[in-house]
C-alpha cells in the first residue's frame, strides 16, 4: 500500500512539475506531426484561415464567411483541447481556463482581422499592437474576473506559437542561403544583442530592461521581447515600453530603408540582408521588401 502511494505521488509530482516550455514543445510538436502525417500519408488538404481584407464588402466576402469562421472555430477547439491538458495536469482550474479561453481566442482573432486590413498591413502594424491595446484597456479600465486571468497565459501561447512558426522556415531556403547566409544571420543577432545590452548599460538602463530590449532589436521584435520577458520573469510594464518602442522605430524604418536602397542602387541581395538584419518585426521586413 505504501509503495503504491509512493508511486502515485511520484507520478503526480512529475506531471505537475512539467514546465510551460515542455508543454509548449509537446503541443507544438504534436500539431506539426499530425499535420505532416495527414498531408504526406493521408493526402489531407488543410485550409488556412483568411484574415486579409481591403474594404467592408471584402471583409464580409472573405473573412466573415461561414467556411472561414468554421476553420477558425476548429483551430480554437483543437488548441483548447491540447492546452487544457497542460492546465489540468499542472493542477490549475480547468473550468476557469475553458471559460476564459473563449474570450481570449475571440480577442486574438479580432486583432488578426484588424491587422489584416490592407492599409494597416501596408504600414507594418502587426496584430500584436491591437492585442496589446485591448489587453491594456481591459486590465486598466476593468476589474478582470479570476476565470479570465486563468486563461491569460501569454508566455505559454507565445512559446507554443513560436515552435509552430518555425515550420515556416523551409530546409530548402536554408540550403539556398548557404553557409555565408547562416553565418551572417548568427553574427548579426549576436553582435546586435551584445551591442544593445552594452549601450543600455552605458545609458544607465537596468539589466532587466536591457535584456528585453536587446532581444527585441536583435531577434524578431515583439515576439522575442515577450519570450525574453517571460524567461527572466520581467516586469510587464517594461515589456509594454519595449513593444511600443520597437513598433515606433520599425514603422518609419520600413519606409526609409527601401528608399535608401533604391536611392543608392544597392543590390536586392544586399538590401534584403540589410532589411532582415535591421528591421525588428516580421511584418515590417515583409512590407519593406514589397
C-alpha atoms as a PDB file:
ATOM      1  CA  UNK A   1       0.000   0.000   0.000  1.00  0.00           C
ATOM      2  CA  UNK A   2       2.771   2.452   0.918  1.00  0.00           C
ATOM      3  CA  UNK A   3       4.651   1.557  -2.260  1.00  0.00           C
ATOM      4  CA  UNK A   4       1.564   2.275  -4.382  1.00  0.00           C
ATOM      5  CA  UNK A   5       1.068   5.638  -2.674  1.00  0.00           C
ATOM      6  CA  UNK A   6       4.724   6.482  -3.301  1.00  0.00           C
ATOM      7  CA  UNK A   7       4.462   5.608  -6.993  1.00  0.00           C
ATOM      8  CA  UNK A   8       1.242   7.633  -7.346  1.00  0.00           C
ATOM      9  CA  UNK A   9       2.840  10.614  -5.588  1.00  0.00           C
ATOM     10  CA  UNK A  10       5.915  10.384  -7.810  1.00  0.00           C
ATOM     11  CA  UNK A  11       3.794  10.383 -10.975  1.00  0.00           C
ATOM     12  CA  UNK A  12       1.731  13.317  -9.773  1.00  0.00           C
ATOM     13  CA  UNK A  13       4.840  15.264  -8.838  1.00  0.00           C
ATOM     14  CA  UNK A  14       6.482  14.535 -12.193  1.00  0.00           C
ATOM     15  CA  UNK A  15       3.470  15.634 -14.254  1.00  0.00           C
ATOM     16  CA  UNK A  16       2.683  18.723 -12.210  1.00  0.00           C
ATOM     17  CA  UNK A  17       6.352  19.658 -12.309  1.00  0.00           C
ATOM     18  CA  UNK A  18       6.486  19.913 -16.104  1.00  0.00           C
ATOM     19  CA  UNK A  19       7.264  23.478 -17.166  1.00  0.00           C
ATOM     20  CA  UNK A  20       5.476  25.597 -19.754  1.00  0.00           C
ATOM     21  CA  UNK A  21       8.458  25.123 -22.078  1.00  0.00           C
ATOM     22  CA  UNK A  22       7.982  21.349 -22.108  1.00  0.00           C
ATOM     23  CA  UNK A  23       4.247  21.643 -22.691  1.00  0.00           C
ATOM     24  CA  UNK A  24       4.836  24.170 -25.477  1.00  0.00           C
ATOM     25  CA  UNK A  25       7.271  21.796 -27.194  1.00  0.00           C
ATOM     26  CA  UNK A  26       4.868  18.873 -26.746  1.00  0.00           C
ATOM     27  CA  UNK A  27       1.797  20.696 -28.097  1.00  0.00           C
ATOM     28  CA  UNK A  28       3.678  22.359 -30.954  1.00  0.00           C
ATOM     29  CA  UNK A  29       5.445  19.125 -31.902  1.00  0.00           C
ATOM     30  CA  UNK A  30       2.208  17.139 -31.763  1.00  0.00           C
ATOM     31  CA  UNK A  31       0.367  19.593 -34.023  1.00  0.00           C
ATOM     32  CA  UNK A  32       3.230  19.631 -36.529  1.00  0.00           C
ATOM     33  CA  UNK A  33       3.398  15.817 -36.537  1.00  0.00           C
ATOM     34  CA  UNK A  34      -0.357  15.449 -37.072  1.00  0.00           C
ATOM     35  CA  UNK A  35      -0.356  17.915 -39.966  1.00  0.00           C
ATOM     36  CA  UNK A  36       2.657  16.277 -41.628  1.00  0.00           C
ATOM     37  CA  UNK A  37       1.164  12.799 -41.210  1.00  0.00           C
ATOM     38  CA  UNK A  38      -2.178  13.944 -42.618  1.00  0.00           C
ATOM     39  CA  UNK A  39      -0.539  15.658 -45.589  1.00  0.00           C
ATOM     40  CA  UNK A  40       2.005  13.003 -46.604  1.00  0.00           C
ATOM     41  CA  UNK A  41       0.236   9.768 -45.663  1.00  0.00           C
ATOM     42  CA  UNK A  42      -3.463  10.590 -45.929  1.00  0.00           C
ATOM     43  CA  UNK A  43      -3.348  13.310 -48.573  1.00  0.00           C
ATOM     44  CA  UNK A  44      -5.372  15.716 -46.431  1.00  0.00           C
ATOM     45  CA  UNK A  45      -5.503  19.298 -47.699  1.00  0.00           C
ATOM     46  CA  UNK A  46      -5.567  21.686 -44.769  1.00  0.00           C
ATOM     47  CA  UNK A  47      -7.350  25.022 -45.082  1.00  0.00           C
ATOM     48  CA  UNK A  48      -5.660  28.170 -43.772  1.00  0.00           C
ATOM     49  CA  UNK A  49      -7.930  30.866 -42.279  1.00  0.00           C
ATOM     50  CA  UNK A  50      -8.161  34.162 -44.157  1.00  0.00           C
ATOM     51  CA  UNK A  51      -7.565  37.470 -42.376  1.00  0.00           C
ATOM     52  CA  UNK A  52      -6.694  39.800 -45.269  1.00  0.00           C
ATOM     53  CA  UNK A  53      -9.322  42.299 -46.444  1.00  0.00           C
ATOM     54  CA  UNK A  54      -9.472  45.714 -48.109  1.00  0.00           C
ATOM     55  CA  UNK A  55     -12.976  47.140 -47.553  1.00  0.00           C
ATOM     56  CA  UNK A  56     -16.290  46.281 -45.944  1.00  0.00           C
ATOM     57  CA  UNK A  57     -17.509  44.110 -48.791  1.00  0.00           C
ATOM     58  CA  UNK A  58     -14.171  42.321 -48.899  1.00  0.00           C
ATOM     59  CA  UNK A  59     -14.403  41.685 -45.141  1.00  0.00           C
ATOM     60  CA  UNK A  60     -17.804  40.030 -45.499  1.00  0.00           C
ATOM     61  CA  UNK A  61     -16.893  38.088 -48.644  1.00  0.00           C
ATOM     62  CA  UNK A  62     -13.531  36.705 -47.465  1.00  0.00           C
ATOM     63  CA  UNK A  63     -13.108  36.857 -43.692  1.00  0.00           C
ATOM     64  CA  UNK A  64     -16.565  36.662 -42.132  1.00  0.00           C
ATOM     65  CA  UNK A  65     -17.799  33.778 -44.271  1.00  0.00           C
ATOM     66  CA  UNK A  66     -19.252  30.638 -42.738  1.00  0.00           C
ATOM     67  CA  UNK A  67     -16.423  28.449 -44.027  1.00  0.00           C
ATOM     68  CA  UNK A  68     -13.688  30.751 -42.717  1.00  0.00           C
ATOM     69  CA  UNK A  69     -15.347  31.104 -39.310  1.00  0.00           C
ATOM     70  CA  UNK A  70     -15.687  27.301 -39.179  1.00  0.00           C
ATOM     71  CA  UNK A  71     -11.940  26.893 -39.788  1.00  0.00           C
ATOM     72  CA  UNK A  72     -11.190  29.385 -37.009  1.00  0.00           C
ATOM     73  CA  UNK A  73     -13.547  27.543 -34.657  1.00  0.00           C
ATOM     74  CA  UNK A  74     -11.898  24.193 -35.359  1.00  0.00           C
ATOM     75  CA  UNK A  75      -8.449  25.670 -34.710  1.00  0.00           C
ATOM     76  CA  UNK A  76      -9.667  27.136 -31.429  1.00  0.00           C
ATOM     77  CA  UNK A  77     -11.256  23.871 -30.288  1.00  0.00           C
ATOM     78  CA  UNK A  78      -8.151  21.832 -31.108  1.00  0.00           C
ATOM     79  CA  UNK A  79      -5.818  24.183 -29.253  1.00  0.00           C
ATOM     80  CA  UNK A  80      -8.268  24.441 -26.361  1.00  0.00           C
ATOM     81  CA  UNK A  81      -8.244  20.660 -26.000  1.00  0.00           C
ATOM     82  CA  UNK A  82      -4.441  20.359 -26.093  1.00  0.00           C
ATOM     83  CA  UNK A  83      -3.753  23.352 -23.849  1.00  0.00           C
ATOM     84  CA  UNK A  84      -6.414  22.132 -21.392  1.00  0.00           C
ATOM     85  CA  UNK A  85      -4.348  19.002 -20.860  1.00  0.00           C
ATOM     86  CA  UNK A  86      -1.402  21.116 -19.749  1.00  0.00           C
ATOM     87  CA  UNK A  87      -3.605  23.223 -17.478  1.00  0.00           C
ATOM     88  CA  UNK A  88      -5.311  20.203 -15.904  1.00  0.00           C
ATOM     89  CA  UNK A  89      -2.153  18.195 -15.297  1.00  0.00           C
ATOM     90  CA  UNK A  90      -0.425  21.262 -13.864  1.00  0.00           C
ATOM     91  CA  UNK A  91      -3.100  21.389 -11.173  1.00  0.00           C
ATOM     92  CA  UNK A  92      -4.891  24.573 -12.300  1.00  0.00           C
ATOM     93  CA  UNK A  93      -8.623  25.186 -12.646  1.00  0.00           C
ATOM     94  CA  UNK A  94      -9.814  23.697 -15.934  1.00  0.00           C
ATOM     95  CA  UNK A  95     -13.305  25.259 -15.612  1.00  0.00           C
ATOM     96  CA  UNK A  96     -11.912  28.781 -15.286  1.00  0.00           C
ATOM     97  CA  UNK A  97      -9.451  28.175 -18.111  1.00  0.00           C
ATOM     98  CA  UNK A  98     -12.110  26.945 -20.561  1.00  0.00           C
ATOM     99  CA  UNK A  99     -14.387  29.884 -19.706  1.00  0.00           C
ATOM    100  CA  UNK A 100     -11.610  32.424 -20.216  1.00  0.00           C
ATOM    101  CA  UNK A 101     -10.042  30.785 -23.273  1.00  0.00           C
ATOM    102  CA  UNK A 102     -13.069  31.554 -25.424  1.00  0.00           C
ATOM    103  CA  UNK A 103     -12.797  35.279 -24.682  1.00  0.00           C
ATOM    104  CA  UNK A 104      -9.017  35.317 -25.223  1.00  0.00           C
ATOM    105  CA  UNK A 105      -9.363  33.429 -28.521  1.00  0.00           C
ATOM    106  CA  UNK A 106     -12.051  35.789 -29.844  1.00  0.00           C
ATOM    107  CA  UNK A 107      -9.983  38.860 -28.924  1.00  0.00           C
ATOM    108  CA  UNK A 108      -6.934  37.333 -30.638  1.00  0.00           C
ATOM    109  CA  UNK A 109      -8.911  36.640 -33.818  1.00  0.00           C
ATOM    110  CA  UNK A 110     -10.292  40.195 -33.810  1.00  0.00           C
ATOM    111  CA  UNK A 111      -6.733  41.534 -33.525  1.00  0.00           C
ATOM    112  CA  UNK A 112      -5.670  39.414 -36.507  1.00  0.00           C
ATOM    113  CA  UNK A 113      -8.644  40.604 -38.558  1.00  0.00           C
ATOM    114  CA  UNK A 114      -7.939  44.273 -37.782  1.00  0.00           C
ATOM    115  CA  UNK A 115      -4.259  43.826 -38.683  1.00  0.00           C
ATOM    116  CA  UNK A 116      -5.327  42.028 -41.878  1.00  0.00           C
ATOM    117  CA  UNK A 117      -6.672  45.239 -43.352  1.00  0.00           C
ATOM    118  CA  UNK A 118      -4.673  46.199 -46.447  1.00  0.00           C
ATOM    119  CA  UNK A 119      -3.901  49.744 -45.272  1.00  0.00           C
ATOM    120  CA  UNK A 120      -2.866  48.685 -41.764  1.00  0.00           C
ATOM    121  CA  UNK A 121      -0.794  45.810 -43.146  1.00  0.00           C
ATOM    122  CA  UNK A 122       0.925  48.190 -45.595  1.00  0.00           C
ATOM    123  CA  UNK A 123       2.315  50.243 -42.716  1.00  0.00           C
ATOM    124  CA  UNK A 124       3.543  47.087 -40.979  1.00  0.00           C
ATOM    125  CA  UNK A 125       1.356  47.434 -37.878  1.00  0.00           C
ATOM    126  CA  UNK A 126       1.106  43.907 -36.512  1.00  0.00           C
ATOM    127  CA  UNK A 127      -1.790  42.218 -34.741  1.00  0.00           C
ATOM    128  CA  UNK A 128       0.308  42.302 -31.568  1.00  0.00           C
ATOM    129  CA  UNK A 129      -0.291  46.052 -31.311  1.00  0.00           C
ATOM    130  CA  UNK A 130      -4.057  45.655 -31.245  1.00  0.00           C
ATOM    131  CA  UNK A 131      -3.891  42.674 -28.886  1.00  0.00           C
ATOM    132  CA  UNK A 132      -1.695  44.719 -26.550  1.00  0.00           C
ATOM    133  CA  UNK A 133      -4.048  47.725 -26.686  1.00  0.00           C
ATOM    134  CA  UNK A 134      -7.075  45.554 -25.907  1.00  0.00           C
ATOM    135  CA  UNK A 135      -5.212  43.913 -23.026  1.00  0.00           C
ATOM    136  CA  UNK A 136      -4.116  47.264 -21.595  1.00  0.00           C
ATOM    137  CA  UNK A 137      -7.630  48.707 -21.833  1.00  0.00           C
ATOM    138  CA  UNK A 138      -9.244  45.692 -20.182  1.00  0.00           C
ATOM    139  CA  UNK A 139      -6.692  45.416 -17.383  1.00  0.00           C
ATOM    140  CA  UNK A 140      -6.698  49.145 -16.582  1.00  0.00           C
ATOM    141  CA  UNK A 141     -10.369  50.039 -17.022  1.00  0.00           C
ATOM    142  CA  UNK A 142     -11.995  46.926 -15.594  1.00  0.00           C
ATOM    143  CA  UNK A 143     -11.501  44.534 -12.714  1.00  0.00           C
ATOM    144  CA  UNK A 144     -10.855  41.266 -14.542  1.00  0.00           C
ATOM    145  CA  UNK A 145     -12.528  38.134 -13.155  1.00  0.00           C
ATOM    146  CA  UNK A 146     -10.407  35.210 -11.977  1.00  0.00           C
ATOM    147  CA  UNK A 147     -11.668  32.925 -14.747  1.00  0.00           C
ATOM    148  CA  UNK A 148     -10.360  35.326 -17.399  1.00  0.00           C
ATOM    149  CA  UNK A 149      -6.984  35.738 -15.694  1.00  0.00           C
ATOM    150  CA  UNK A 150      -6.664  31.946 -15.623  1.00  0.00           C
ATOM    151  CA  UNK A 151      -6.709  31.863 -19.444  1.00  0.00           C
ATOM    152  CA  UNK A 152      -4.378  34.842 -19.950  1.00  0.00           C
ATOM    153  CA  UNK A 153      -1.221  32.757 -20.368  1.00  0.00           C
ATOM    154  CA  UNK A 154       0.650  34.941 -22.847  1.00  0.00           C
ATOM    155  CA  UNK A 155       4.086  33.343 -22.409  1.00  0.00           C
ATOM    156  CA  UNK A 156       2.678  29.838 -22.844  1.00  0.00           C
ATOM    157  CA  UNK A 157       0.797  30.801 -26.018  1.00  0.00           C
ATOM    158  CA  UNK A 158       3.789  32.673 -27.456  1.00  0.00           C
ATOM    159  CA  UNK A 159       6.187  29.777 -26.797  1.00  0.00           C
ATOM    160  CA  UNK A 160       3.831  27.286 -28.466  1.00  0.00           C
ATOM    161  CA  UNK A 161       3.268  29.636 -31.389  1.00  0.00           C
ATOM    162  CA  UNK A 162       6.979  30.185 -31.971  1.00  0.00           C
ATOM    163  CA  UNK A 163       7.568  26.430 -32.197  1.00  0.00           C
ATOM    164  CA  UNK A 164       4.838  26.117 -34.818  1.00  0.00           C
ATOM    165  CA  UNK A 165       6.098  29.238 -36.598  1.00  0.00           C
ATOM    166  CA  UNK A 166       9.488  27.541 -37.003  1.00  0.00           C
ATOM    167  CA  UNK A 167       7.947  25.245 -39.636  1.00  0.00           C
ATOM    168  CA  UNK A 168       7.659  28.227 -41.973  1.00  0.00           C
ATOM    169  CA  UNK A 169      11.449  28.143 -42.389  1.00  0.00           C
ATOM    170  CA  UNK A 170      11.944  25.578 -45.115  1.00  0.00           C
ATOM    171  CA  UNK A 171      15.108  23.497 -45.205  1.00  0.00           C
ATOM    172  CA  UNK A 172      15.490  24.338 -48.907  1.00  0.00           C
ATOM    173  CA  UNK A 173      15.634  28.042 -48.023  1.00  0.00           C
ATOM    174  CA  UNK A 174      18.413  27.345 -45.534  1.00  0.00           C
ATOM    175  CA  UNK A 175      20.337  25.409 -48.195  1.00  0.00           C
ATOM    176  CA  UNK A 176      19.920  28.264 -50.685  1.00  0.00           C
ATOM    177  CA  UNK A 177      21.226  30.757 -48.146  1.00  0.00           C
ATOM    178  CA  UNK A 178      24.297  28.570 -47.698  1.00  0.00           C
ATOM    179  CA  UNK A 179      26.977  28.884 -45.061  1.00  0.00           C
ATOM    180  CA  UNK A 180      27.520  32.659 -45.644  1.00  0.00           C
ATOM    181  CA  UNK A 181      23.813  33.353 -45.104  1.00  0.00           C
ATOM    182  CA  UNK A 182      23.670  31.281 -41.929  1.00  0.00           C
ATOM    183  CA  UNK A 183      26.826  32.877 -40.534  1.00  0.00           C
ATOM    184  CA  UNK A 184      25.518  36.331 -41.403  1.00  0.00           C
ATOM    185  CA  UNK A 185      22.273  35.773 -39.512  1.00  0.00           C
ATOM    186  CA  UNK A 186      24.052  34.343 -36.459  1.00  0.00           C
ATOM    187  CA  UNK A 187      26.672  37.091 -36.365  1.00  0.00           C
ATOM    188  CA  UNK A 188      24.107  39.873 -36.824  1.00  0.00           C
ATOM    189  CA  UNK A 189      21.924  38.582 -33.985  1.00  0.00           C
ATOM    190  CA  UNK A 190      24.900  38.113 -31.637  1.00  0.00           C
ATOM    191  CA  UNK A 191      26.516  41.446 -32.486  1.00  0.00           C
ATOM    192  CA  UNK A 192      23.310  43.464 -32.203  1.00  0.00           C
ATOM    193  CA  UNK A 193      22.261  41.754 -28.950  1.00  0.00           C
ATOM    194  CA  UNK A 194      25.554  42.378 -27.136  1.00  0.00           C
ATOM    195  CA  UNK A 195      25.888  45.919 -28.522  1.00  0.00           C
ATOM    196  CA  UNK A 196      22.321  46.767 -27.500  1.00  0.00           C
ATOM    197  CA  UNK A 197      22.902  45.442 -23.971  1.00  0.00           C
ATOM    198  CA  UNK A 198      26.217  47.340 -23.729  1.00  0.00           C
ATOM    199  CA  UNK A 199      24.503  50.545 -24.900  1.00  0.00           C
ATOM    200  CA  UNK A 200      21.686  50.064 -22.377  1.00  0.00           C
ATOM    201  CA  UNK A 201      24.233  49.784 -19.578  1.00  0.00           C
ATOM    202  CA  UNK A 202      26.040  52.886 -20.808  1.00  0.00           C
ATOM    203  CA  UNK A 203      22.726  54.755 -20.695  1.00  0.00           C
ATOM    204  CA  UNK A 204      22.128  53.535 -17.108  1.00  0.00           C
ATOM    205  CA  UNK A 205      19.258  51.237 -18.136  1.00  0.00           C
ATOM    206  CA  UNK A 206      18.816  48.318 -15.735  1.00  0.00           C
ATOM    207  CA  UNK A 207      19.753  44.839 -16.962  1.00  0.00           C
ATOM    208  CA  UNK A 208      16.167  43.521 -16.918  1.00  0.00           C
ATOM    209  CA  UNK A 209      15.031  46.280 -19.258  1.00  0.00           C
ATOM    210  CA  UNK A 210      18.234  45.907 -21.286  1.00  0.00           C
ATOM    211  CA  UNK A 211      17.837  42.162 -21.864  1.00  0.00           C
ATOM    212  CA  UNK A 212      14.238  42.564 -23.088  1.00  0.00           C
ATOM    213  CA  UNK A 213      15.199  45.460 -25.361  1.00  0.00           C
ATOM    214  CA  UNK A 214      18.316  43.713 -26.708  1.00  0.00           C
ATOM    215  CA  UNK A 215      16.313  40.584 -27.512  1.00  0.00           C
ATOM    216  CA  UNK A 216      13.657  42.649 -29.297  1.00  0.00           C
ATOM    217  CA  UNK A 217      16.039  44.618 -31.527  1.00  0.00           C
ATOM    218  CA  UNK A 218      18.325  41.679 -32.353  1.00  0.00           C
ATOM    219  CA  UNK A 219      15.958  38.747 -32.938  1.00  0.00           C
ATOM    220  CA  UNK A 220      12.335  39.246 -34.016  1.00  0.00           C
ATOM    221  CA  UNK A 221      10.917  42.266 -32.271  1.00  0.00           C
ATOM    222  CA  UNK A 222       7.771  41.966 -30.199  1.00  0.00           C
ATOM    223  CA  UNK A 223       7.705  38.153 -30.087  1.00  0.00           C
ATOM    224  CA  UNK A 224      11.305  37.983 -28.886  1.00  0.00           C
ATOM    225  CA  UNK A 225      10.626  40.643 -26.264  1.00  0.00           C
ATOM    226  CA  UNK A 226       7.659  38.672 -24.885  1.00  0.00           C
ATOM    227  CA  UNK A 227       9.640  35.419 -24.731  1.00  0.00           C
ATOM    228  CA  UNK A 228      12.660  37.129 -23.144  1.00  0.00           C
ATOM    229  CA  UNK A 229      10.450  38.830 -20.573  1.00  0.00           C
ATOM    230  CA  UNK A 230       8.794  35.522 -19.725  1.00  0.00           C
ATOM    231  CA  UNK A 231      12.134  33.740 -19.431  1.00  0.00           C
ATOM    232  CA  UNK A 232      13.527  36.241 -16.919  1.00  0.00           C
ATOM    233  CA  UNK A 233      10.118  36.905 -15.307  1.00  0.00           C
ATOM    234  CA  UNK A 234      10.417  40.541 -16.265  1.00  0.00           C
ATOM    235  CA  UNK A 235       8.201  43.488 -15.421  1.00  0.00           C
ATOM    236  CA  UNK A 236       5.115  43.694 -17.679  1.00  0.00           C
ATOM    237  CA  UNK A 237       5.366  47.479 -17.807  1.00  0.00           C
ATOM    238  CA  UNK A 238       8.902  47.282 -19.174  1.00  0.00           C
ATOM    239  CA  UNK A 239       7.690  44.774 -21.772  1.00  0.00           C
ATOM    240  CA  UNK A 240       4.979  47.236 -22.847  1.00  0.00           C
ATOM    241  CA  UNK A 241       7.551  50.030 -23.163  1.00  0.00           C
ATOM    242  CA  UNK A 242       9.833  47.857 -25.310  1.00  0.00           C
ATOM    243  CA  UNK A 243       6.955  46.719 -27.516  1.00  0.00           C
ATOM    244  CA  UNK A 244       5.879  50.312 -28.138  1.00  0.00           C
ATOM    245  CA  UNK A 245       9.438  51.471 -28.783  1.00  0.00           C
ATOM    246  CA  UNK A 246      10.101  48.670 -31.298  1.00  0.00           C
ATOM    247  CA  UNK A 247       6.975  49.489 -33.298  1.00  0.00           C
ATOM    248  CA  UNK A 248       7.546  53.252 -33.222  1.00  0.00           C
ATOM    249  CA  UNK A 249      11.025  52.736 -34.677  1.00  0.00           C
ATOM    250  CA  UNK A 250      10.065  49.987 -37.147  1.00  0.00           C
ATOM    251  CA  UNK A 251       7.287  51.906 -38.914  1.00  0.00           C
ATOM    252  CA  UNK A 252       9.424  54.830 -40.211  1.00  0.00           C
ATOM    253  CA  UNK A 253      12.331  52.469 -40.953  1.00  0.00           C
ATOM    254  CA  UNK A 254      10.222  50.249 -43.218  1.00  0.00           C
ATOM    255  CA  UNK A 255       9.567  53.345 -45.376  1.00  0.00           C
ATOM    256  CA  UNK A 256      13.016  54.941 -45.216  1.00  0.00           C
ATOM    257  CA  UNK A 257      15.226  51.860 -45.760  1.00  0.00           C
ATOM    258  CA  UNK A 258      13.694  50.780 -49.121  1.00  0.00           C
ATOM    259  CA  UNK A 259      14.047  54.389 -50.321  1.00  0.00           C
ATOM    260  CA  UNK A 260      17.737  54.393 -49.361  1.00  0.00           C
ATOM    261  CA  UNK A 261      18.273  51.034 -51.109  1.00  0.00           C
ATOM    262  CA  UNK A 262      16.777  52.399 -54.340  1.00  0.00           C
ATOM    263  CA  UNK A 263      18.462  55.811 -53.995  1.00  0.00           C
ATOM    264  CA  UNK A 264      21.989  54.358 -53.722  1.00  0.00           C
ATOM    265  CA  UNK A 265      21.432  51.456 -56.121  1.00  0.00           C
ATOM    266  CA  UNK A 266      22.052  48.752 -53.524  1.00  0.00           C
ATOM    267  CA  UNK A 267      21.537  45.251 -54.920  1.00  0.00           C
ATOM    268  CA  UNK A 268      18.484  43.221 -53.928  1.00  0.00           C
ATOM    269  CA  UNK A 269      20.654  40.621 -52.174  1.00  0.00           C
ATOM    270  CA  UNK A 270      22.481  43.155 -50.009  1.00  0.00           C
ATOM    271  CA  UNK A 271      19.326  45.212 -49.493  1.00  0.00           C
ATOM    272  CA  UNK A 272      17.367  42.148 -48.373  1.00  0.00           C
ATOM    273  CA  UNK A 273      20.096  41.225 -45.881  1.00  0.00           C
ATOM    274  CA  UNK A 274      20.072  44.792 -44.581  1.00  0.00           C
ATOM    275  CA  UNK A 275      16.292  44.846 -44.133  1.00  0.00           C
ATOM    276  CA  UNK A 276      16.280  41.457 -42.437  1.00  0.00           C
ATOM    277  CA  UNK A 277      19.119  42.410 -40.116  1.00  0.00           C
ATOM    278  CA  UNK A 278      17.891  45.824 -39.004  1.00  0.00           C
ATOM    279  CA  UNK A 279      14.086  45.790 -39.004  1.00  0.00           C
ATOM    280  CA  UNK A 280      12.803  44.199 -35.822  1.00  0.00           C
ATOM    281  CA  UNK A 281       9.442  42.707 -36.809  1.00  0.00           C
ATOM    282  CA  UNK A 282       8.477  40.144 -39.438  1.00  0.00           C
ATOM    283  CA  UNK A 283       5.655  42.311 -40.829  1.00  0.00           C
ATOM    284  CA  UNK A 284       7.995  45.295 -41.222  1.00  0.00           C
ATOM    285  CA  UNK A 285      10.538  43.210 -43.133  1.00  0.00           C
ATOM    286  CA  UNK A 286       7.841  41.821 -45.424  1.00  0.00           C
ATOM    287  CA  UNK A 287       6.274  45.231 -46.065  1.00  0.00           C
ATOM    288  CA  UNK A 288       9.676  46.836 -46.728  1.00  0.00           C
ATOM    289  CA  UNK A 289      10.627  44.037 -49.129  1.00  0.00           C
ATOM    290  CA  UNK A 290       7.418  44.552 -51.097  1.00  0.00           C
END
